[in-house]
C-alpha atoms as a PDB file:
ATOM      1  CA  UNK A   1     114.855  88.159 129.830  1.00  0.00           C
ATOM      2  CA  UNK A   2     116.094  88.581 126.260  1.00  0.00           C
ATOM      3  CA  UNK A   3     119.455  87.096 127.206  1.00  0.00           C
ATOM      4  CA  UNK A   4     120.292  86.017 123.653  1.00  0.00           C
ATOM      5  CA  UNK A   5     120.215  89.518 122.186  1.00  0.00           C
ATOM      6  CA  UNK A   6     121.926  90.614 119.761  1.00  0.00           C
ATOM      7  CA  UNK A   7     124.357  91.733 117.108  1.00  0.00           C
ATOM      8  CA  UNK A   8     123.145  95.021 115.630  1.00  0.00           C
ATOM      9  CA  UNK A   9     125.000  97.178 113.200  1.00  0.00           C
ATOM     10  CA  UNK A  10     124.518 100.293 111.160  1.00  0.00           C
ATOM     11  CA  UNK A  11     123.914  99.330 107.571  1.00  0.00           C
ATOM     12  CA  UNK A  12     126.042 100.611 104.748  1.00  0.00           C
ATOM     13  CA  UNK A  13     124.539 103.550 102.926  1.00  0.00           C
ATOM     14  CA  UNK A  14     122.686 104.743 106.001  1.00  0.00           C
ATOM     15  CA  UNK A  15     122.042 108.450 106.214  1.00  0.00           C
ATOM     16  CA  UNK A  16     121.982 108.176 109.983  1.00  0.00           C
ATOM     17  CA  UNK A  17     121.754 111.453 111.796  1.00  0.00           C
ATOM     18  CA  UNK A  18     121.553 113.608 108.665  1.00  0.00           C
ATOM     19  CA  UNK A  19     118.675 115.950 108.051  1.00  0.00           C
ATOM     20  CA  UNK A  20     116.770 116.890 104.919  1.00  0.00           C
ATOM     21  CA  UNK A  21     115.754 120.545 104.661  1.00  0.00           C
ATOM     22  CA  UNK A  22     116.719 121.126 108.307  1.00  0.00           C
ATOM     23  CA  UNK A  23     114.097 118.613 109.408  1.00  0.00           C
ATOM     24  CA  UNK A  24     114.823 116.315 112.320  1.00  0.00           C
ATOM     25  CA  UNK A  25     114.620 112.578 111.556  1.00  0.00           C
ATOM     26  CA  UNK A  26     112.039 110.175 112.880  1.00  0.00           C
ATOM     27  CA  UNK A  27     113.462 106.922 114.215  1.00  0.00           C
ATOM     28  CA  UNK A  28     112.054 103.524 115.168  1.00  0.00           C
ATOM     29  CA  UNK A  29     114.323 101.671 117.600  1.00  0.00           C
ATOM     30  CA  UNK A  30     114.633  98.449 119.541  1.00  0.00           C
ATOM     31  CA  UNK A  31     114.647  99.444 123.219  1.00  0.00           C
ATOM     32  CA  UNK A  32     115.971  96.068 124.352  1.00  0.00           C
ATOM     33  CA  UNK A  33     114.765  93.789 127.130  1.00  0.00           C
ATOM     34  CA  UNK A  34     113.972  95.767 130.275  1.00  0.00           C
ATOM     35  CA  UNK A  35     117.133  97.464 131.602  1.00  0.00           C
ATOM     36  CA  UNK A  36     119.492  94.974 129.973  1.00  0.00           C
ATOM     37  CA  UNK A  37     121.167  97.399 127.518  1.00  0.00           C
ATOM     38  CA  UNK A  38     122.466  99.548 130.378  1.00  0.00           C
ATOM     39  CA  UNK A  39     123.443  96.530 132.497  1.00  0.00           C
ATOM     40  CA  UNK A  40     125.948  95.332 129.921  1.00  0.00           C
ATOM     41  CA  UNK A  41     123.798  92.343 128.920  1.00  0.00           C
ATOM     42  CA  UNK A  42     122.804  93.702 125.519  1.00  0.00           C
ATOM     43  CA  UNK A  43     125.919  95.673 124.569  1.00  0.00           C
ATOM     44  CA  UNK A  44     125.127  95.885 120.880  1.00  0.00           C
ATOM     45  CA  UNK A  45     121.739  97.471 121.560  1.00  0.00           C
ATOM     46  CA  UNK A  46     123.482 100.076 123.668  1.00  0.00           C
ATOM     47  CA  UNK A  47     126.186 100.559 121.049  1.00  0.00           C
ATOM     48  CA  UNK A  48     123.626 101.207 118.313  1.00  0.00           C
ATOM     49  CA  UNK A  49     121.809 103.829 120.336  1.00  0.00           C
ATOM     50  CA  UNK A  50     125.019 105.373 121.612  1.00  0.00           C
ATOM     51  CA  UNK A  51     126.402 105.720 118.098  1.00  0.00           C
ATOM     52  CA  UNK A  52     123.166 107.313 116.953  1.00  0.00           C
ATOM     53  CA  UNK A  53     123.457 109.816 119.788  1.00  0.00           C
ATOM     54  CA  UNK A  54     127.030 110.615 118.800  1.00  0.00           C
ATOM     55  CA  UNK A  55     125.897 111.267 115.234  1.00  0.00           C
ATOM     56  CA  UNK A  56     123.266 113.653 116.541  1.00  0.00           C
ATOM     57  CA  UNK A  57     125.869 115.504 118.604  1.00  0.00           C
ATOM     58  CA  UNK A  58     127.994 116.001 115.494  1.00  0.00           C
ATOM     59  CA  UNK A  59     125.188 118.046 113.985  1.00  0.00           C
ATOM     60  CA  UNK A  60     122.478 120.095 115.614  1.00  0.00           C
ATOM     61  CA  UNK A  61     120.974 118.508 118.692  1.00  0.00           C
ATOM     62  CA  UNK A  62     117.195 118.344 118.727  1.00  0.00           C
ATOM     63  CA  UNK A  63     115.461 120.950 120.849  1.00  0.00           C
ATOM     64  CA  UNK A  64     113.490 118.056 122.349  1.00  0.00           C
ATOM     65  CA  UNK A  65     112.832 114.363 121.792  1.00  0.00           C
ATOM     66  CA  UNK A  66     109.298 113.012 121.583  1.00  0.00           C
ATOM     67  CA  UNK A  67     109.337 109.309 122.512  1.00  0.00           C
ATOM     68  CA  UNK A  68     106.317 107.204 121.592  1.00  0.00           C
ATOM     69  CA  UNK A  69     106.625 104.220 123.909  1.00  0.00           C
ATOM     70  CA  UNK A  70     105.272 100.701 123.553  1.00  0.00           C
ATOM     71  CA  UNK A  71     104.848 100.535 127.331  1.00  0.00           C
ATOM     72  CA  UNK A  72     102.070 103.095 127.671  1.00  0.00           C
ATOM     73  CA  UNK A  73      98.659 102.381 126.162  1.00  0.00           C
ATOM     74  CA  UNK A  74      95.737 104.654 126.974  1.00  0.00           C
ATOM     75  CA  UNK A  75      92.166 105.177 125.791  1.00  0.00           C
ATOM     76  CA  UNK A  76      93.362 108.209 123.862  1.00  0.00           C
ATOM     77  CA  UNK A  77      96.755 109.695 123.140  1.00  0.00           C
ATOM     78  CA  UNK A  78      98.352 110.924 126.353  1.00  0.00           C
ATOM     79  CA  UNK A  79     101.332 113.280 126.421  1.00  0.00           C
ATOM     80  CA  UNK A  80     103.691 113.877 129.339  1.00  0.00           C
ATOM     81  CA  UNK A  81     103.592 117.608 129.987  1.00  0.00           C
ATOM     82  CA  UNK A  82     105.516 118.194 133.218  1.00  0.00           C
ATOM     83  CA  UNK A  83     108.731 120.146 133.623  1.00  0.00           C
ATOM     84  CA  UNK A  84     110.231 116.968 135.084  1.00  0.00           C
ATOM     85  CA  UNK A  85     109.130 113.371 135.439  1.00  0.00           C
ATOM     86  CA  UNK A  86     110.070 110.462 137.675  1.00  0.00           C
ATOM     87  CA  UNK A  87     110.986 107.060 136.265  1.00  0.00           C
ATOM     88  CA  UNK A  88     108.772 103.980 136.255  1.00  0.00           C
ATOM     89  CA  UNK A  89     110.760 100.781 136.729  1.00  0.00           C
ATOM     90  CA  UNK A  90     108.224  98.686 134.858  1.00  0.00           C
ATOM     91  CA  UNK A  91     110.200  95.452 134.846  1.00  0.00           C
ATOM     92  CA  UNK A  92     110.937  92.782 137.420  1.00  0.00           C
ATOM     93  CA  UNK A  93     113.533  90.201 138.296  1.00  0.00           C
ATOM     94  CA  UNK A  94     116.570  92.313 137.498  1.00  0.00           C
ATOM     95  CA  UNK A  95     119.530  93.288 139.734  1.00  0.00           C
ATOM     96  CA  UNK A  96     118.927  95.918 142.415  1.00  0.00           C
ATOM     97  CA  UNK A  97     120.810  98.606 140.479  1.00  0.00           C
ATOM     98  CA  UNK A  98     118.079  98.390 137.832  1.00  0.00           C
ATOM     99  CA  UNK A  99     115.717 100.138 140.254  1.00  0.00           C
ATOM    100  CA  UNK A 100     117.975 103.063 141.052  1.00  0.00           C
ATOM    101  CA  UNK A 101     118.743 104.160 137.506  1.00  0.00           C
ATOM    102  CA  UNK A 102     118.380 107.901 136.947  1.00  0.00           C
ATOM    103  CA  UNK A 103     117.642 109.964 133.860  1.00  0.00           C
ATOM    104  CA  UNK A 104     117.144 113.558 135.013  1.00  0.00           C
ATOM    105  CA  UNK A 105     116.440 115.132 131.624  1.00  0.00           C
ATOM    106  CA  UNK A 106     113.885 117.928 131.797  1.00  0.00           C
ATOM    107  CA  UNK A 107     110.435 117.728 130.308  1.00  0.00           C
ATOM    108  CA  UNK A 108     109.374 120.271 127.716  1.00  0.00           C
ATOM    109  CA  UNK A 109     105.837 121.543 128.344  1.00  0.00           C
ATOM    110  CA  UNK A 110     105.862 123.772 125.264  1.00  0.00           C
ATOM    111  CA  UNK A 111     106.559 120.811 122.962  1.00  0.00           C
ATOM    112  CA  UNK A 112     103.923 118.758 124.761  1.00  0.00           C
ATOM    113  CA  UNK A 113     101.461 121.598 124.273  1.00  0.00           C
ATOM    114  CA  UNK A 114     102.286 121.814 120.575  1.00  0.00           C
ATOM    115  CA  UNK A 115     101.876 118.045 120.176  1.00  0.00           C
ATOM    116  CA  UNK A 116      98.462 118.215 121.839  1.00  0.00           C
ATOM    117  CA  UNK A 117      97.460 121.118 119.592  1.00  0.00           C
ATOM    118  CA  UNK A 118      98.506 119.309 116.408  1.00  0.00           C
ATOM    119  CA  UNK A 119      96.662 116.141 117.362  1.00  0.00           C
ATOM    120  CA  UNK A 120      93.502 118.034 118.296  1.00  0.00           C
ATOM    121  CA  UNK A 121      93.583 119.890 114.977  1.00  0.00           C
ATOM    122  CA  UNK A 122      93.704 116.497 113.250  1.00  0.00           C
ATOM    123  CA  UNK A 123      90.624 115.358 115.188  1.00  0.00           C
ATOM    124  CA  UNK A 124      92.573 112.925 117.381  1.00  0.00           C
ATOM    125  CA  UNK A 125      91.556 112.623 121.027  1.00  0.00           C
ATOM    126  CA  UNK A 126      94.436 113.613 123.269  1.00  0.00           C
ATOM    127  CA  UNK A 127      95.139 114.763 126.788  1.00  0.00           C
ATOM    128  CA  UNK A 128      98.107 116.026 128.761  1.00  0.00           C
ATOM    129  CA  UNK A 129      99.506 114.148 131.747  1.00  0.00           C
ATOM    130  CA  UNK A 130     101.958 115.981 133.996  1.00  0.00           C
ATOM    131  CA  UNK A 131     102.215 113.205 136.599  1.00  0.00           C
ATOM    132  CA  UNK A 132     102.967 109.854 134.939  1.00  0.00           C
ATOM    133  CA  UNK A 133     106.639 108.946 135.009  1.00  0.00           C
ATOM    134  CA  UNK A 134     108.748 107.874 132.077  1.00  0.00           C
ATOM    135  CA  UNK A 135     108.717 104.106 131.556  1.00  0.00           C
ATOM    136  CA  UNK A 136     111.675 101.999 130.454  1.00  0.00           C
ATOM    137  CA  UNK A 137     110.652 102.369 126.823  1.00  0.00           C
ATOM    138  CA  UNK A 138     111.803 105.961 127.282  1.00  0.00           C
ATOM    139  CA  UNK A 139     114.607 106.131 129.808  1.00  0.00           C
ATOM    140  CA  UNK A 140     116.535 103.018 128.743  1.00  0.00           C
ATOM    141  CA  UNK A 141     117.085 104.059 125.094  1.00  0.00           C
ATOM    142  CA  UNK A 142     117.669 107.660 126.163  1.00  0.00           C
ATOM    143  CA  UNK A 143     120.293 106.590 128.720  1.00  0.00           C
ATOM    144  CA  UNK A 144     122.077 104.838 125.867  1.00  0.00           C
ATOM    145  CA  UNK A 145     121.587 107.536 123.245  1.00  0.00           C
ATOM    146  CA  UNK A 146     122.116 110.748 125.226  1.00  0.00           C
ATOM    147  CA  UNK A 147     123.367 109.840 128.718  1.00  0.00           C
ATOM    148  CA  UNK A 148     124.053 113.496 129.554  1.00  0.00           C
ATOM    149  CA  UNK A 149     120.267 113.911 129.930  1.00  0.00           C
ATOM    150  CA  UNK A 150     120.385 117.495 128.698  1.00  0.00           C
ATOM    151  CA  UNK A 151     117.901 117.300 125.825  1.00  0.00           C
ATOM    152  CA  UNK A 152     114.284 117.673 127.018  1.00  0.00           C
ATOM    153  CA  UNK A 153     112.037 114.624 126.703  1.00  0.00           C
ATOM    154  CA  UNK A 154     108.323 114.331 126.034  1.00  0.00           C
ATOM    155  CA  UNK A 155     106.711 110.892 126.364  1.00  0.00           C
ATOM    156  CA  UNK A 156     103.651 109.904 124.331  1.00  0.00           C
ATOM    157  CA  UNK A 157     101.341 106.937 124.737  1.00  0.00           C
ATOM    158  CA  UNK A 158      99.865 104.559 122.235  1.00  0.00           C
ATOM    159  CA  UNK A 159      96.111 104.268 121.814  1.00  0.00           C
ATOM    160  CA  UNK A 160      94.624 101.047 123.175  1.00  0.00           C
ATOM    161  CA  UNK A 161      93.374  98.692 120.477  1.00  0.00           C
ATOM    162  CA  UNK A 162      96.586  98.419 118.452  1.00  0.00           C
ATOM    163  CA  UNK A 163      95.080  99.899 115.292  1.00  0.00           C
ATOM    164  CA  UNK A 164      97.870 100.811 112.848  1.00  0.00           C
ATOM    165  CA  UNK A 165      95.811 103.522 111.101  1.00  0.00           C
ATOM    166  CA  UNK A 166      95.241 105.320 114.401  1.00  0.00           C
ATOM    167  CA  UNK A 167      98.979 105.468 115.015  1.00  0.00           C
ATOM    168  CA  UNK A 168      99.821 106.355 111.423  1.00  0.00           C
ATOM    169  CA  UNK A 169      97.431 109.300 111.660  1.00  0.00           C
ATOM    170  CA  UNK A 170      99.144 110.376 114.876  1.00  0.00           C
ATOM    171  CA  UNK A 171     102.421 110.502 112.996  1.00  0.00           C
ATOM    172  CA  UNK A 172     100.936 112.430 110.094  1.00  0.00           C
ATOM    173  CA  UNK A 173      99.648 115.049 112.523  1.00  0.00           C
ATOM    174  CA  UNK A 174     102.948 115.271 114.399  1.00  0.00           C
ATOM    175  CA  UNK A 175     105.150 115.869 111.353  1.00  0.00           C
ATOM    176  CA  UNK A 176     105.418 119.645 111.985  1.00  0.00           C
ATOM    177  CA  UNK A 177     107.288 118.901 115.208  1.00  0.00           C
ATOM    178  CA  UNK A 178     110.150 117.512 113.124  1.00  0.00           C
ATOM    179  CA  UNK A 179     110.209 120.760 111.173  1.00  0.00           C
ATOM    180  CA  UNK A 180     110.465 122.581 114.504  1.00  0.00           C
ATOM    181  CA  UNK A 181     113.583 120.681 115.590  1.00  0.00           C
ATOM    182  CA  UNK A 182     112.001 117.801 117.527  1.00  0.00           C
ATOM    183  CA  UNK A 183     113.378 114.295 117.056  1.00  0.00           C
ATOM    184  CA  UNK A 184     110.546 111.748 117.067  1.00  0.00           C
ATOM    185  CA  UNK A 185     111.476 108.283 118.353  1.00  0.00           C
ATOM    186  CA  UNK A 186     109.256 105.218 118.300  1.00  0.00           C
ATOM    187  CA  UNK A 187     110.449 102.843 121.015  1.00  0.00           C
ATOM    188  CA  UNK A 188     109.443  99.215 120.565  1.00  0.00           C
ATOM    189  CA  UNK A 189     110.427  96.107 118.597  1.00  0.00           C
ATOM    190  CA  UNK A 190     109.770  94.911 115.057  1.00  0.00           C
ATOM    191  CA  UNK A 191     109.613  91.338 116.402  1.00  0.00           C
ATOM    192  CA  UNK A 192     107.976  90.626 119.754  1.00  0.00           C
ATOM    193  CA  UNK A 193     106.849  87.096 120.504  1.00  0.00           C
ATOM    194  CA  UNK A 194     107.845  85.611 123.855  1.00  0.00           C
ATOM    195  CA  UNK A 195     107.201  82.105 122.532  1.00  0.00           C
ATOM    196  CA  UNK A 196     110.279  82.443 120.364  1.00  0.00           C
ATOM    197  CA  UNK A 197     112.281  84.705 122.682  1.00  0.00           C
ATOM    198  CA  UNK A 198     112.331  81.912 125.240  1.00  0.00           C
ATOM    199  CA  UNK A 199     112.268  78.887 122.921  1.00  0.00           C
ATOM    200  CA  UNK A 200     114.765  76.231 123.921  1.00  0.00           C
ATOM    201  CA  UNK A 201     114.018  73.354 121.553  1.00  0.00           C
ATOM    202  CA  UNK A 202     115.653  73.449 118.149  1.00  0.00           C
ATOM    203  CA  UNK A 203     112.419  73.149 116.171  1.00  0.00           C
ATOM    204  CA  UNK A 204     110.833  76.198 117.817  1.00  0.00           C
ATOM    205  CA  UNK A 205     114.040  78.192 117.474  1.00  0.00           C
ATOM    206  CA  UNK A 206     114.190  77.445 113.758  1.00  0.00           C
ATOM    207  CA  UNK A 207     110.530  78.415 113.371  1.00  0.00           C
ATOM    208  CA  UNK A 208     111.235  81.715 115.107  1.00  0.00           C
ATOM    209  CA  UNK A 209     114.199  82.415 112.856  1.00  0.00           C
ATOM    210  CA  UNK A 210     112.201  81.766 109.700  1.00  0.00           C
ATOM    211  CA  UNK A 211     109.245  83.850 110.819  1.00  0.00           C
ATOM    212  CA  UNK A 212     111.350  86.821 111.901  1.00  0.00           C
ATOM    213  CA  UNK A 213     113.388  86.758 108.709  1.00  0.00           C
ATOM    214  CA  UNK A 214     110.321  86.545 106.473  1.00  0.00           C
ATOM    215  CA  UNK A 215     108.609  89.452 108.207  1.00  0.00           C
ATOM    216  CA  UNK A 216     111.792  91.529 108.320  1.00  0.00           C
ATOM    217  CA  UNK A 217     112.330  91.064 104.590  1.00  0.00           C
ATOM    218  CA  UNK A 218     108.786  92.219 103.851  1.00  0.00           C
ATOM    219  CA  UNK A 219     109.005  95.170 106.219  1.00  0.00           C
ATOM    220  CA  UNK A 220     112.328  96.461 104.938  1.00  0.00           C
ATOM    221  CA  UNK A 221     111.224  96.153 101.333  1.00  0.00           C
ATOM    222  CA  UNK A 222     108.022  98.029 102.082  1.00  0.00           C
ATOM    223  CA  UNK A 223     109.787 100.795 104.000  1.00  0.00           C
ATOM    224  CA  UNK A 224     112.668 101.312 101.580  1.00  0.00           C
ATOM    225  CA  UNK A 225     111.311 100.463  98.109  1.00  0.00           C
ATOM    226  CA  UNK A 226     111.612 103.674  96.039  1.00  0.00           C
ATOM    227  CA  UNK A 227     109.183 102.358  93.434  1.00  0.00           C
ATOM    228  CA  UNK A 228     106.245 102.480  95.836  1.00  0.00           C
ATOM    229  CA  UNK A 229     104.172 105.640  95.843  1.00  0.00           C
ATOM    230  CA  UNK A 230     103.421 107.199  99.237  1.00  0.00           C
ATOM    231  CA  UNK A 231      99.864 105.863  99.054  1.00  0.00           C
ATOM    232  CA  UNK A 232     101.022 102.387  98.078  1.00  0.00           C
ATOM    233  CA  UNK A 233     103.510 102.335 100.937  1.00  0.00           C
ATOM    234  CA  UNK A 234     100.886 103.459 103.432  1.00  0.00           C
ATOM    235  CA  UNK A 235      98.338 100.904 102.246  1.00  0.00           C
ATOM    236  CA  UNK A 236     100.863  98.097 102.315  1.00  0.00           C
ATOM    237  CA  UNK A 237     102.094  98.947 105.805  1.00  0.00           C
ATOM    238  CA  UNK A 238      98.599  99.334 107.216  1.00  0.00           C
ATOM    239  CA  UNK A 239      97.790  95.832 105.949  1.00  0.00           C
ATOM    240  CA  UNK A 240     100.789  94.483 107.842  1.00  0.00           C
ATOM    241  CA  UNK A 241      98.805  91.598 109.312  1.00  0.00           C
ATOM    242  CA  UNK A 242      98.698  90.092 105.817  1.00  0.00           C
ATOM    243  CA  UNK A 243     102.485  90.148 105.572  1.00  0.00           C
ATOM    244  CA  UNK A 244     104.481  86.903 105.719  1.00  0.00           C
ATOM    245  CA  UNK A 245     104.663  85.549 109.286  1.00  0.00           C
ATOM    246  CA  UNK A 246     103.069  88.699 110.732  1.00  0.00           C
ATOM    247  CA  UNK A 247     101.015  86.903 113.387  1.00  0.00           C
ATOM    248  CA  UNK A 248     104.006  84.816 114.431  1.00  0.00           C
ATOM    249  CA  UNK A 249     106.081  87.967 114.941  1.00  0.00           C
ATOM    250  CA  UNK A 250     103.324  89.929 116.683  1.00  0.00           C
ATOM    251  CA  UNK A 251     100.573  87.637 118.026  1.00  0.00           C
ATOM    252  CA  UNK A 252      97.020  88.934 117.896  1.00  0.00           C
ATOM    253  CA  UNK A 253      96.459  91.366 120.741  1.00  0.00           C
ATOM    254  CA  UNK A 254     100.205  91.568 121.364  1.00  0.00           C
ATOM    255  CA  UNK A 255     101.340  94.040 118.710  1.00  0.00           C
ATOM    256  CA  UNK A 256     101.895  97.004 121.048  1.00  0.00           C
ATOM    257  CA  UNK A 257     105.648  96.913 120.429  1.00  0.00           C
ATOM    258  CA  UNK A 258     105.051  97.414 116.697  1.00  0.00           C
ATOM    259  CA  UNK A 259     102.599 100.316 117.005  1.00  0.00           C
ATOM    260  CA  UNK A 260     105.269 103.033 117.578  1.00  0.00           C
ATOM    261  CA  UNK A 261     106.618 102.129 114.138  1.00  0.00           C
ATOM    262  CA  UNK A 262     103.411 103.347 112.473  1.00  0.00           C
ATOM    263  CA  UNK A 263     103.528 106.688 114.232  1.00  0.00           C
ATOM    264  CA  UNK A 264     107.140 107.169 113.169  1.00  0.00           C
ATOM    265  CA  UNK A 265     106.464 106.138 109.571  1.00  0.00           C
ATOM    266  CA  UNK A 266     103.377 108.364 109.485  1.00  0.00           C
ATOM    267  CA  UNK A 267     105.527 111.439 110.092  1.00  0.00           C
ATOM    268  CA  UNK A 268     107.104 110.800 106.667  1.00  0.00           C
ATOM    269  CA  UNK A 269     103.691 110.864 104.941  1.00  0.00           C
ATOM    270  CA  UNK A 270     104.483 107.727 102.958  1.00  0.00           C
ATOM    271  CA  UNK A 271     108.014 108.654 101.893  1.00  0.00           C
ATOM    272  CA  UNK A 272     110.557 105.814 102.033  1.00  0.00           C
ATOM    273  CA  UNK A 273     112.744 105.226 105.039  1.00  0.00           C
ATOM    274  CA  UNK A 274     116.172 103.702 105.572  1.00  0.00           C
ATOM    275  CA  UNK A 275     116.982 100.505 107.432  1.00  0.00           C
ATOM    276  CA  UNK A 276     119.673 101.791 109.792  1.00  0.00           C
ATOM    277  CA  UNK A 277     120.067  98.744 111.981  1.00  0.00           C
ATOM    278  CA  UNK A 278     119.508  95.010 111.837  1.00  0.00           C
ATOM    279  CA  UNK A 279     119.950  92.788 114.865  1.00  0.00           C
ATOM    280  CA  UNK A 280     120.206  89.048 115.242  1.00  0.00           C
ATOM    281  CA  UNK A 281     119.738  86.979 118.386  1.00  0.00           C
ATOM    282  CA  UNK A 282     123.250  85.588 118.670  1.00  0.00           C
ATOM    283  CA  UNK A 283     121.970  82.150 119.670  1.00  0.00           C
ATOM    284  CA  UNK A 284     118.717  82.076 117.731  1.00  0.00           C
ATOM    285  CA  UNK A 285     119.017  84.324 114.694  1.00  0.00           C
ATOM    286  CA  UNK A 286     115.852  86.317 115.363  1.00  0.00           C
ATOM    287  CA  UNK A 287     115.824  89.458 113.225  1.00  0.00           C
ATOM    288  CA  UNK A 288     114.894  92.897 114.570  1.00  0.00           C
ATOM    289  CA  UNK A 289     115.002  95.990 112.358  1.00  0.00           C
ATOM    290  CA  UNK A 290     115.401  99.703 113.039  1.00  0.00           C
ATOM    291  CA  UNK A 291     114.403 102.439 110.621  1.00  0.00           C
ATOM    292  CA  UNK A 292     115.016 106.121 110.095  1.00  0.00           C
ATOM    293  CA  UNK A 293     112.825 108.517 108.096  1.00  0.00           C
ATOM    294  CA  UNK A 294     114.418 111.698 106.815  1.00  0.00           C
ATOM    295  CA  UNK A 295     111.746 113.112 104.511  1.00  0.00           C
END
């Protein structure tokens, strides 16, 4: 369990919830540890998502939310296409109420169909799935963000292999959905290494802090630096494994929680994003970042 999490905040200067040219944002979020944000064990994670939802409600709500979840990897992109979906309680060891949580938002087959069409036009293998339930990478952040469960949800998988270019290209293809009023959310973590999540000795904890801070500094600079051209930003992000402490933040073969970021960033076609949240493990100082793309 990520029991040490966290102290997130919205950063000054954030354009959270605003839209450029009537386009919905794309957002990469920390979905927390299992159901902990809704159990009161990660209150700041819940607060971040809740505040984001309130900002959305102050403007025009999205006609649907497409959630690209770190907890669904498939051989090709898979898109939930049912009018409704059950929930998958894909965690263990939590209190009994964790397995009776409900999020009865409708699906949106028309948005799923449009997502499939856009991906096929871009030459990306994709299929619809009207049976798979929504995993906790979807329903936990949505319970925090929009608990009324009135906005339709479409869930999208990652592609097995954890190739950043594959997921970037997904985002590039999906950009028109934002222009059509769909909020695109990447649900994962910018730091995901259980070795440091559960470290108890001081030396390992300090190593984790240094690695997470080094990677977070690189990532935020790359996302937000206005002096980078779109191509430079794309190339730098796609070479993320060469970034400081990259392998310590996402061990080889274990980068699935970072892949939704590339899809979200891809929807901006290389334009800069905004760091809208930074979180610190209150006992360990691990840094986790959240980003919004408005262009």
